Amino acid sequence: MQTASDLINEGAIWVDTRLESEFKNAALPDAINIPLHRLRDQAASLDRMKRFVLYCDTGQRSSAAAFLLGQLGFDAYVLRGGIAQGRLPSNFL
């Protein structure tokens, strides 16, 4: 099983599924912000050849977003537990 850091090191893209205000307050380096409620409209702008690691605070919004992206043919993964769990390697903080 690959970890989020493995995926990112291999070129995957962080997608923050939180609200824009949450993203502006704190985000992972190089992350893009696509709030869950805007994902369906903005999915067409994503590169289907890329892999995406989605995150939110708890993993709930990012899980829903990953399911939606998967249904649309994207290779999407979820940061289990979200960023509130403090499970990120120190180099991602």
PDB file of N, CA and C in Angstrom:
ATOM      1  N   MET A   1       0.834  -1.181   0.000  1.00  0.00           N
ATOM      2  CA  MET A   1       0.000   0.000   0.000  1.00  0.00           C
ATOM      3  C   MET A   1       0.881   1.247   0.000  1.00  0.00           C
ATOM      4  N   GLN A   2       0.598   2.153  -0.910  1.00  0.00           N
ATOM      5  CA  GLN A   2       1.378   3.379  -0.980  1.00  0.00           C
ATOM      6  C   GLN A   2       0.871   4.394   0.036  1.00  0.00           C
ATOM      7  N   THR A   3       1.796   5.161   0.568  1.00  0.00           N
ATOM      8  CA  THR A   3       1.420   6.230   1.483  1.00  0.00           C
ATOM      9  C   THR A   3       1.221   7.513   0.689  1.00  0.00           C
ATOM     10  N   ALA A   4       0.622   8.498   1.334  1.00  0.00           N
ATOM     11  CA  ALA A   4       0.424   9.793   0.681  1.00  0.00           C
ATOM     12  C   ALA A   4       1.762  10.381   0.249  1.00  0.00           C
ATOM     13  N   SER A   5       2.771  10.271   1.101  1.00  0.00           N
ATOM     14  CA  SER A   5       4.071  10.833   0.735  1.00  0.00           C
ATOM     15  C   SER A   5       4.669  10.106  -0.463  1.00  0.00           C
ATOM     16  N   ASP A   6       4.460   8.787  -0.565  1.00  0.00           N
ATOM     17  CA  ASP A   6       4.925   8.048  -1.748  1.00  0.00           C
ATOM     18  C   ASP A   6       4.255   8.588  -3.006  1.00  0.00           C
ATOM     19  N   LEU A   7       2.947   8.736  -2.942  1.00  0.00           N
ATOM     20  CA  LEU A   7       2.198   9.219  -4.105  1.00  0.00           C
ATOM     21  C   LEU A   7       2.639  10.620  -4.512  1.00  0.00           C
ATOM     22  N   ILE A   8       2.789  11.502  -3.531  1.00  0.00           N
ATOM     23  CA  ILE A   8       3.214  12.877  -3.828  1.00  0.00           C
ATOM     24  C   ILE A   8       4.620  12.875  -4.411  1.00  0.00           C
ATOM     25  N   ASN A   9       5.512  12.082  -3.853  1.00  0.00           N
ATOM     26  CA  ASN A   9       6.880  12.007  -4.378  1.00  0.00           C
ATOM     27  C   ASN A   9       6.921  11.468  -5.801  1.00  0.00           C
ATOM     28  N   GLU A  10       5.894  10.705  -6.185  1.00  0.00           N
ATOM     29  CA  GLU A  10       5.814  10.159  -7.542  1.00  0.00           C
ATOM     30  C   GLU A  10       5.019  11.062  -8.483  1.00  0.00           C
ATOM     31  N   GLY A  11       4.667  12.260  -8.021  1.00  0.00           N
ATOM     32  CA  GLY A  11       4.017  13.230  -8.901  1.00  0.00           C
ATOM     33  C   GLY A  11       2.537  13.454  -8.698  1.00  0.00           C
ATOM     34  N   ALA A  12       1.937  12.793  -7.717  1.00  0.00           N
ATOM     35  CA  ALA A  12       0.516  13.041  -7.443  1.00  0.00           C
ATOM     36  C   ALA A  12       0.337  14.470  -6.943  1.00  0.00           C
ATOM     37  N   ILE A  13      -0.876  14.943  -7.025  1.00  0.00           N
ATOM     38  CA  ILE A  13      -1.191  16.327  -6.670  1.00  0.00           C
ATOM     39  C   ILE A  13      -2.111  16.340  -5.453  1.00  0.00           C
ATOM     40  N   TRP A  14      -1.764  17.192  -4.466  1.00  0.00           N
ATOM     41  CA  TRP A  14      -2.634  17.387  -3.319  1.00  0.00           C
ATOM     42  C   TRP A  14      -3.865  18.164  -3.760  1.00  0.00           C
ATOM     43  N   VAL A  15      -5.048  17.712  -3.353  1.00  0.00           N
ATOM     44  CA  VAL A  15      -6.284  18.462  -3.570  1.00  0.00           C
ATOM     45  C   VAL A  15      -6.958  18.649  -2.212  1.00  0.00           C
ATOM     46  N   ASP A  16      -7.070  19.891  -1.812  1.00  0.00           N
ATOM     47  CA  ASP A  16      -7.715  20.255  -0.557  1.00  0.00           C
ATOM     48  C   ASP A  16      -9.204  20.435  -0.841  1.00  0.00           C
ATOM     49  N   THR A  17     -10.043  19.615  -0.229  1.00  0.00           N
ATOM     50  CA  THR A  17     -11.481  19.666  -0.508  1.00  0.00           C
ATOM     51  C   THR A  17     -12.240  20.517   0.510  1.00  0.00           C
ATOM     52  N   ARG A  18     -11.513  21.246   1.337  1.00  0.00           N
ATOM     53  CA  ARG A  18     -12.151  22.109   2.330  1.00  0.00           C
ATOM     54  C   ARG A  18     -12.620  23.406   1.675  1.00  0.00           C
ATOM     55  N   LEU A  19     -13.346  24.204   2.430  1.00  0.00           N
ATOM     56  CA  LEU A  19     -13.787  25.505   1.945  1.00  0.00           C
ATOM     57  C   LEU A  19     -12.590  26.408   1.680  1.00  0.00           C
ATOM     58  N   GLU A  20     -12.781  27.382   0.811  1.00  0.00           N
ATOM     59  CA  GLU A  20     -11.697  28.302   0.467  1.00  0.00           C
ATOM     60  C   GLU A  20     -11.148  29.009   1.707  1.00  0.00           C
ATOM     61  N   SER A  21     -12.007  29.383   2.634  1.00  0.00           N
ATOM     62  CA  SER A  21     -11.551  30.060   3.852  1.00  0.00           C
ATOM     63  C   SER A  21     -10.660  29.148   4.695  1.00  0.00           C
ATOM     64  N   GLU A  22     -10.972  27.865   4.747  1.00  0.00           N
ATOM     65  CA  GLU A  22     -10.139  26.910   5.479  1.00  0.00           C
ATOM     66  C   GLU A  22      -8.792  26.738   4.783  1.00  0.00           C
ATOM     67  N   PHE A  23      -8.830  26.663   3.463  1.00  0.00           N
ATOM     68  CA  PHE A  23      -7.617  26.510   2.664  1.00  0.00           C
ATOM     69  C   PHE A  23      -6.692  27.709   2.853  1.00  0.00           C
ATOM     70  N   LYS A  24      -7.260  28.916   2.846  1.00  0.00           N
ATOM     71  CA  LYS A  24      -6.448  30.129   3.012  1.00  0.00           C
ATOM     72  C   LYS A  24      -5.814  30.194   4.389  1.00  0.00           C
ATOM     73  N   ASN A  25      -6.467  29.616   5.374  1.00  0.00           N
ATOM     74  CA  ASN A  25      -5.950  29.625   6.735  1.00  0.00           C
ATOM     75  C   ASN A  25      -4.745  28.702   6.890  1.00  0.00           C
ATOM     76  N   ALA A  26      -4.786  27.539   6.250  1.00  0.00           N
ATOM     77  CA  ALA A  26      -3.684  26.571   6.332  1.00  0.00           C
ATOM     78  C   ALA A  26      -3.871  25.523   5.248  1.00  0.00           C
ATOM     79  N   ALA A  27      -2.803  25.256   4.513  1.00  0.00           N
ATOM     80  CA  ALA A  27      -2.860  24.254   3.443  1.00  0.00           C
ATOM     81  C   ALA A  27      -1.501  23.593   3.281  1.00  0.00           C
ATOM     82  N   LEU A  28      -1.517  22.438   2.667  1.00  0.00           N
ATOM     83  CA  LEU A  28      -0.267  21.738   2.381  1.00  0.00           C
ATOM     84  C   LEU A  28       0.444  22.412   1.211  1.00  0.00           C
ATOM     85  N   PRO A  29       1.770  22.368   1.190  1.00  0.00           N
ATOM     86  CA  PRO A  29       2.521  22.983   0.093  1.00  0.00           C
ATOM     87  C   PRO A  29       2.096  22.424  -1.265  1.00  0.00           C
ATOM     88  N   ASP A  30       1.916  23.310  -2.219  1.00  0.00           N
ATOM     89  CA  ASP A  30       1.577  22.970  -3.610  1.00  0.00           C
ATOM     90  C   ASP A  30       0.185  22.379  -3.783  1.00  0.00           C
ATOM     91  N   ALA A  31      -0.641  22.421  -2.751  1.00  0.00           N
ATOM     92  CA  ALA A  31      -2.006  21.893  -2.873  1.00  0.00           C
ATOM     93  C   ALA A  31      -2.863  22.839  -3.703  1.00  0.00           C
ATOM     94  N   ILE A  32      -3.835  22.251  -4.392  1.00  0.00           N
ATOM     95  CA  ILE A  32      -4.847  23.053  -5.057  1.00  0.00           C
ATOM     96  C   ILE A  32      -6.131  22.917  -4.251  1.00  0.00           C
ATOM     97  N   ASN A  33      -6.946  23.939  -4.280  1.00  0.00           N
ATOM     98  CA  ASN A  33      -8.179  23.934  -3.505  1.00  0.00           C
ATOM     99  C   ASN A  33      -9.379  23.772  -4.422  1.00  0.00           C
ATOM    100  N   ILE A  34     -10.084  22.665  -4.240  1.00  0.00           N
ATOM    101  CA  ILE A  34     -11.355  22.451  -4.928  1.00  0.00           C
ATOM    102  C   ILE A  34     -12.340  21.970  -3.861  1.00  0.00           C
ATOM    103  N   PRO A  35     -13.119  22.898  -3.300  1.00  0.00           N
ATOM    104  CA  PRO A  35     -14.090  22.491  -2.290  1.00  0.00           C
ATOM    105  C   PRO A  35     -15.042  21.430  -2.838  1.00  0.00           C
ATOM    106  N   LEU A  36     -15.462  20.543  -1.974  1.00  0.00           N
ATOM    107  CA  LEU A  36     -16.313  19.431  -2.383  1.00  0.00           C
ATOM    108  C   LEU A  36     -17.522  19.901  -3.179  1.00  0.00           C
ATOM    109  N   HIS A  37     -18.159  20.985  -2.757  1.00  0.00           N
ATOM    110  CA  HIS A  37     -19.368  21.441  -3.441  1.00  0.00           C
ATOM    111  C   HIS A  37     -19.098  21.994  -4.845  1.00  0.00           C
ATOM    112  N   ARG A  38     -17.839  22.221  -5.186  1.00  0.00           N
ATOM    113  CA  ARG A  38     -17.479  22.710  -6.524  1.00  0.00           C
ATOM    114  C   ARG A  38     -16.801  21.644  -7.388  1.00  0.00           C
ATOM    115  N   LEU A  39     -16.577  20.487  -6.833  1.00  0.00           N
ATOM    116  CA  LEU A  39     -15.772  19.474  -7.517  1.00  0.00           C
ATOM    117  C   LEU A  39     -16.383  19.020  -8.836  1.00  0.00           C
ATOM    118  N   ARG A  40     -17.657  18.781  -8.861  1.00  0.00           N
ATOM    119  CA  ARG A  40     -18.296  18.300 -10.093  1.00  0.00           C
ATOM    120  C   ARG A  40     -18.083  19.300 -11.230  1.00  0.00           C
ATOM    121  N   ASP A  41     -18.190  20.597 -10.930  1.00  0.00           N
ATOM    122  CA  ASP A  41     -18.009  21.630 -11.954  1.00  0.00           C
ATOM    123  C   ASP A  41     -16.549  21.794 -12.368  1.00  0.00           C
ATOM    124  N   GLN A  42     -15.627  21.606 -11.438  1.00  0.00           N
ATOM    125  CA  GLN A  42     -14.217  21.859 -11.721  1.00  0.00           C
ATOM    126  C   GLN A  42     -13.433  20.619 -12.137  1.00  0.00           C
ATOM    127  N   ALA A  43     -14.031  19.456 -12.089  1.00  0.00           N
ATOM    128  CA  ALA A  43     -13.320  18.217 -12.432  1.00  0.00           C
ATOM    129  C   ALA A  43     -12.791  18.240 -13.862  1.00  0.00           C
ATOM    130  N   ALA A  44     -13.499  18.889 -14.759  1.00  0.00           N
ATOM    131  CA  ALA A  44     -13.071  18.928 -16.161  1.00  0.00           C
ATOM    132  C   ALA A  44     -11.726  19.629 -16.335  1.00  0.00           C
ATOM    133  N   SER A  45     -11.345  20.467 -15.377  1.00  0.00           N
ATOM    134  CA  SER A  45     -10.068  21.180 -15.482  1.00  0.00           C
ATOM    135  C   SER A  45      -8.882  20.337 -15.006  1.00  0.00           C
ATOM    136  N   LEU A  46      -9.147  19.168 -14.418  1.00  0.00           N
ATOM    137  CA  LEU A  46      -8.079  18.303 -13.914  1.00  0.00           C
ATOM    138  C   LEU A  46      -7.551  17.386 -15.013  1.00  0.00           C
ATOM    139  N   ASP A  47      -6.271  17.067 -14.924  1.00  0.00           N
ATOM    140  CA  ASP A  47      -5.604  16.188 -15.884  1.00  0.00           C
ATOM    141  C   ASP A  47      -5.871  14.725 -15.513  1.00  0.00           C
ATOM    142  N   ARG A  48      -6.563  13.997 -16.366  1.00  0.00           N
ATOM    143  CA  ARG A  48      -6.893  12.597 -16.084  1.00  0.00           C
ATOM    144  C   ARG A  48      -5.660  11.691 -16.060  1.00  0.00           C
ATOM    145  N   MET A  49      -4.539  12.177 -16.529  1.00  0.00           N
ATOM    146  CA  MET A  49      -3.312  11.382 -16.515  1.00  0.00           C
ATOM    147  C   MET A  49      -2.574  11.498 -15.177  1.00  0.00           C
ATOM    148  N   LYS A  50      -3.006  12.399 -14.321  1.00  0.00           N
ATOM    149  CA  LYS A  50      -2.372  12.604 -13.015  1.00  0.00           C
ATOM    150  C   LYS A  50      -3.112  11.815 -11.941  1.00  0.00           C
ATOM    151  N   ARG A  51      -2.409  11.593 -10.834  1.00  0.00           N
ATOM    152  CA  ARG A  51      -3.033  11.005  -9.653  1.00  0.00           C
ATOM    153  C   ARG A  51      -3.241  12.124  -8.637  1.00  0.00           C
ATOM    154  N   PHE A  52      -4.268  11.988  -7.830  1.00  0.00           N
ATOM    155  CA  PHE A  52      -4.629  13.026  -6.877  1.00  0.00           C
ATOM    156  C   PHE A  52      -4.778  12.433  -5.486  1.00  0.00           C
ATOM    157  N   VAL A  53      -4.222  13.143  -4.499  1.00  0.00           N
ATOM    158  CA  VAL A  53      -4.398  12.774  -3.097  1.00  0.00           C
ATOM    159  C   VAL A  53      -5.262  13.867  -2.479  1.00  0.00           C
ATOM    160  N   LEU A  54      -6.460  13.492  -2.089  1.00  0.00           N
ATOM    161  CA  LEU A  54      -7.416  14.443  -1.560  1.00  0.00           C
ATOM    162  C   LEU A  54      -7.372  14.456  -0.046  1.00  0.00           C
ATOM    163  N   TYR A  55      -7.582  15.641   0.522  1.00  0.00           N
ATOM    164  CA  TYR A  55      -7.612  15.750   1.976  1.00  0.00           C
ATOM    165  C   TYR A  55      -8.594  16.825   2.419  1.00  0.00           C
ATOM    166  N   CYS A  56      -8.994  16.699   3.666  1.00  0.00           N
ATOM    167  CA  CYS A  56      -9.801  17.693   4.365  1.00  0.00           C
ATOM    168  C   CYS A  56      -9.385  17.587   5.834  1.00  0.00           C
ATOM    169  N   ASP A  57     -10.214  18.065   6.736  1.00  0.00           N
ATOM    170  CA  ASP A  57      -9.846  17.978   8.147  1.00  0.00           C
ATOM    171  C   ASP A  57      -9.959  16.563   8.710  1.00  0.00           C
ATOM    172  N   THR A  58     -11.025  15.860   8.353  1.00  0.00           N
ATOM    173  CA  THR A  58     -11.296  14.557   8.973  1.00  0.00           C
ATOM    174  C   THR A  58     -11.262  13.376   8.015  1.00  0.00           C
ATOM    175  N   GLY A  59     -11.316  13.641   6.729  1.00  0.00           N
ATOM    176  CA  GLY A  59     -11.361  12.573   5.739  1.00  0.00           C
ATOM    177  C   GLY A  59     -12.742  12.343   5.159  1.00  0.00           C
ATOM    178  N   GLN A  60     -13.767  12.977   5.716  1.00  0.00           N
ATOM    179  CA  GLN A  60     -15.126  12.761   5.217  1.00  0.00           C
ATOM    180  C   GLN A  60     -15.360  13.438   3.872  1.00  0.00           C
ATOM    181  N   ARG A  61     -15.047  14.719   3.771  1.00  0.00           N
ATOM    182  CA  ARG A  61     -15.243  15.418   2.494  1.00  0.00           C
ATOM    183  C   ARG A  61     -14.328  14.858   1.418  1.00  0.00           C
ATOM    184  N   SER A  62     -13.095  14.566   1.797  1.00  0.00           N
ATOM    185  CA  SER A  62     -12.158  14.048   0.799  1.00  0.00           C
ATOM    186  C   SER A  62     -12.559  12.649   0.333  1.00  0.00           C
ATOM    187  N   SER A  63     -13.154  11.850   1.203  1.00  0.00           N
ATOM    188  CA  SER A  63     -13.637  10.524   0.783  1.00  0.00           C
ATOM    189  C   SER A  63     -14.759  10.656  -0.236  1.00  0.00           C
ATOM    190  N   ALA A  64     -15.685  11.571   0.013  1.00  0.00           N
ATOM    191  CA  ALA A  64     -16.774  11.802  -0.937  1.00  0.00           C
ATOM    192  C   ALA A  64     -16.221  12.319  -2.263  1.00  0.00           C
ATOM    193  N   ALA A  65     -15.243  13.213  -2.187  1.00  0.00           N
ATOM    194  CA  ALA A  65     -14.641  13.771  -3.398  1.00  0.00           C
ATOM    195  C   ALA A  65     -13.892  12.702  -4.186  1.00  0.00           C
ATOM    196  N   ALA A  66     -13.165  11.835  -3.494  1.00  0.00           N
ATOM    197  CA  ALA A  66     -12.429  10.767  -4.176  1.00  0.00           C
ATOM    198  C   ALA A  66     -13.389   9.798  -4.855  1.00  0.00           C
ATOM    199  N   PHE A  67     -14.505   9.508  -4.210  1.00  0.00           N
ATOM    200  CA  PHE A  67     -15.513   8.644  -4.824  1.00  0.00           C
ATOM    201  C   PHE A  67     -16.026   9.280  -6.114  1.00  0.00           C
ATOM    202  N   LEU A  68     -16.346  10.561  -6.049  1.00  0.00           N
ATOM    203  CA  LEU A  68     -16.844  11.263  -7.232  1.00  0.00           C
ATOM    204  C   LEU A  68     -15.803  11.271  -8.349  1.00  0.00           C
ATOM    205  N   LEU A  69     -14.558  11.597  -8.012  1.00  0.00           N
ATOM    206  CA  LEU A  69     -13.508  11.601  -9.041  1.00  0.00           C
ATOM    207  C   LEU A  69     -13.309  10.207  -9.622  1.00  0.00           C
ATOM    208  N   GLY A  70     -13.365   9.195  -8.782  1.00  0.00           N
ATOM    209  CA  GLY A  70     -13.245   7.823  -9.273  1.00  0.00           C
ATOM    210  C   GLY A  70     -14.348   7.479 -10.262  1.00  0.00           C
ATOM    211  N   GLN A  71     -15.560   7.916  -9.973  1.00  0.00           N
ATOM    212  CA  GLN A  71     -16.685   7.685 -10.880  1.00  0.00           C
ATOM    213  C   GLN A  71     -16.487   8.401 -12.213  1.00  0.00           C
ATOM    214  N   LEU A  72     -15.724   9.493 -12.185  1.00  0.00           N
ATOM    215  CA  LEU A  72     -15.451  10.261 -13.399  1.00  0.00           C
ATOM    216  C   LEU A  72     -14.191   9.787 -14.126  1.00  0.00           C
ATOM    217  N   GLY A  73     -13.563   8.730 -13.611  1.00  0.00           N
ATOM    218  CA  GLY A  73     -12.405   8.149 -14.282  1.00  0.00           C
ATOM    219  C   GLY A  73     -11.047   8.644 -13.823  1.00  0.00           C
ATOM    220  N   PHE A  74     -11.002   9.343 -12.697  1.00  0.00           N
ATOM    221  CA  PHE A  74      -9.731   9.841 -12.171  1.00  0.00           C
ATOM    222  C   PHE A  74      -9.135   8.833 -11.196  1.00  0.00           C
ATOM    223  N   ASP A  75      -7.821   8.904 -11.037  1.00  0.00           N
ATOM    224  CA  ASP A  75      -7.089   8.082 -10.076  1.00  0.00           C
ATOM    225  C   ASP A  75      -6.950   8.916  -8.800  1.00  0.00           C
ATOM    226  N   ALA A  76      -7.845   8.701  -7.837  1.00  0.00           N
ATOM    227  CA  ALA A  76      -7.908   9.545  -6.648  1.00  0.00           C
ATOM    228  C   ALA A  76      -7.727   8.728  -5.375  1.00  0.00           C
ATOM    229  N   TYR A  77      -7.005   9.303  -4.429  1.00  0.00           N
ATOM    230  CA  TYR A  77      -6.711   8.677  -3.141  1.00  0.00           C
ATOM    231  C   TYR A  77      -7.101   9.642  -2.032  1.00  0.00           C
ATOM    232  N   VAL A  78      -7.288   9.114  -0.836  1.00  0.00           N
ATOM    233  CA  VAL A  78      -7.684   9.925   0.311  1.00  0.00           C
ATOM    234  C   VAL A  78      -6.608   9.854   1.383  1.00  0.00           C
ATOM    235  N   LEU A  79      -6.286  11.006   1.959  1.00  0.00           N
ATOM    236  CA  LEU A  79      -5.405  11.036   3.118  1.00  0.00           C
ATOM    237  C   LEU A  79      -6.247  10.591   4.314  1.00  0.00           C
ATOM    238  N   ARG A  80      -6.063   9.366   4.733  1.00  0.00           N
ATOM    239  CA  ARG A  80      -6.879   8.768   5.792  1.00  0.00           C
ATOM    240  C   ARG A  80      -6.787   9.588   7.078  1.00  0.00           C
ATOM    241  N   GLY A  81      -7.938   9.901   7.635  1.00  0.00           N
ATOM    242  CA  GLY A  81      -7.985  10.648   8.891  1.00  0.00           C
ATOM    243  C   GLY A  81      -7.913  12.146   8.721  1.00  0.00           C
ATOM    244  N   GLY A  82      -7.536  12.619   7.545  1.00  0.00           N
ATOM    245  CA  GLY A  82      -7.450  14.055   7.299  1.00  0.00           C
ATOM    246  C   GLY A  82      -6.268  14.710   7.986  1.00  0.00           C
ATOM    247  N   ILE A  83      -6.154  16.007   7.766  1.00  0.00           N
ATOM    248  CA  ILE A  83      -5.007  16.721   8.323  1.00  0.00           C
ATOM    249  C   ILE A  83      -5.182  17.024   9.802  1.00  0.00           C
ATOM    250  N   ALA A  84      -6.395  16.931  10.320  1.00  0.00           N
ATOM    251  CA  ALA A  84      -6.614  17.171  11.743  1.00  0.00           C
ATOM    252  C   ALA A  84      -6.049  16.042  12.601  1.00  0.00           C
ATOM    253  N   GLN A  85      -5.814  14.880  12.010  1.00  0.00           N
ATOM    254  CA  GLN A  85      -5.287  13.740  12.751  1.00  0.00           C
ATOM    255  C   GLN A  85      -3.785  13.846  13.001  1.00  0.00           C
ATOM    256  N   GLY A  86      -3.129  14.779  12.340  1.00  0.00           N
ATOM    257  CA  GLY A  86      -1.696  14.940  12.534  1.00  0.00           C
ATOM    258  C   GLY A  86      -0.885  13.774  12.012  1.00  0.00           C
ATOM    259  N   ARG A  87      -1.371  13.125  10.966  1.00  0.00           N
ATOM    260  CA  ARG A  87      -0.692  11.946  10.423  1.00  0.00           C
ATOM    261  C   ARG A  87       0.296  12.283   9.321  1.00  0.00           C
ATOM    262  N   LEU A  88       0.519  13.541   9.077  1.00  0.00           N
ATOM    263  CA  LEU A  88       1.401  13.914   7.979  1.00  0.00           C
ATOM    264  C   LEU A  88       2.856  13.849   8.391  1.00  0.00           C
ATOM    265  N   PRO A  89       3.714  13.421   7.484  1.00  0.00           N
ATOM    266  CA  PRO A  89       5.146  13.483   7.758  1.00  0.00           C
ATOM    267  C   PRO A  89       5.551  14.939   7.967  1.00  0.00           C
ATOM    268  N   SER A  90       6.554  15.181   8.762  1.00  0.00           N
ATOM    269  CA  SER A  90       6.953  16.552   9.080  1.00  0.00           C
ATOM    270  C   SER A  90       7.327  17.364   7.848  1.00  0.00           C
ATOM    271  N   ASN A  91       7.786  16.716   6.777  1.00  0.00           N
ATOM    272  CA  ASN A  91       8.165  17.473   5.588  1.00  0.00           C
ATOM    273  C   ASN A  91       6.949  18.007   4.839  1.00  0.00           C
ATOM    274  N   PHE A  92       5.727  17.627   5.229  1.00  0.00           N
ATOM    275  CA  PHE A  92       4.522  18.150   4.588  1.00  0.00           C
ATOM    276  C   PHE A  92       3.895  19.277   5.389  1.00  0.00           C
ATOM    277  N   LEU A  93       4.437  19.605   6.543  1.00  0.00           N
ATOM    278  CA  LEU A  93       3.837  20.641   7.379  1.00  0.00           C
ATOM    279  C   LEU A  93       4.443  21.989   7.107  1.00  0.00           C
TER     280      LEU A  93
END
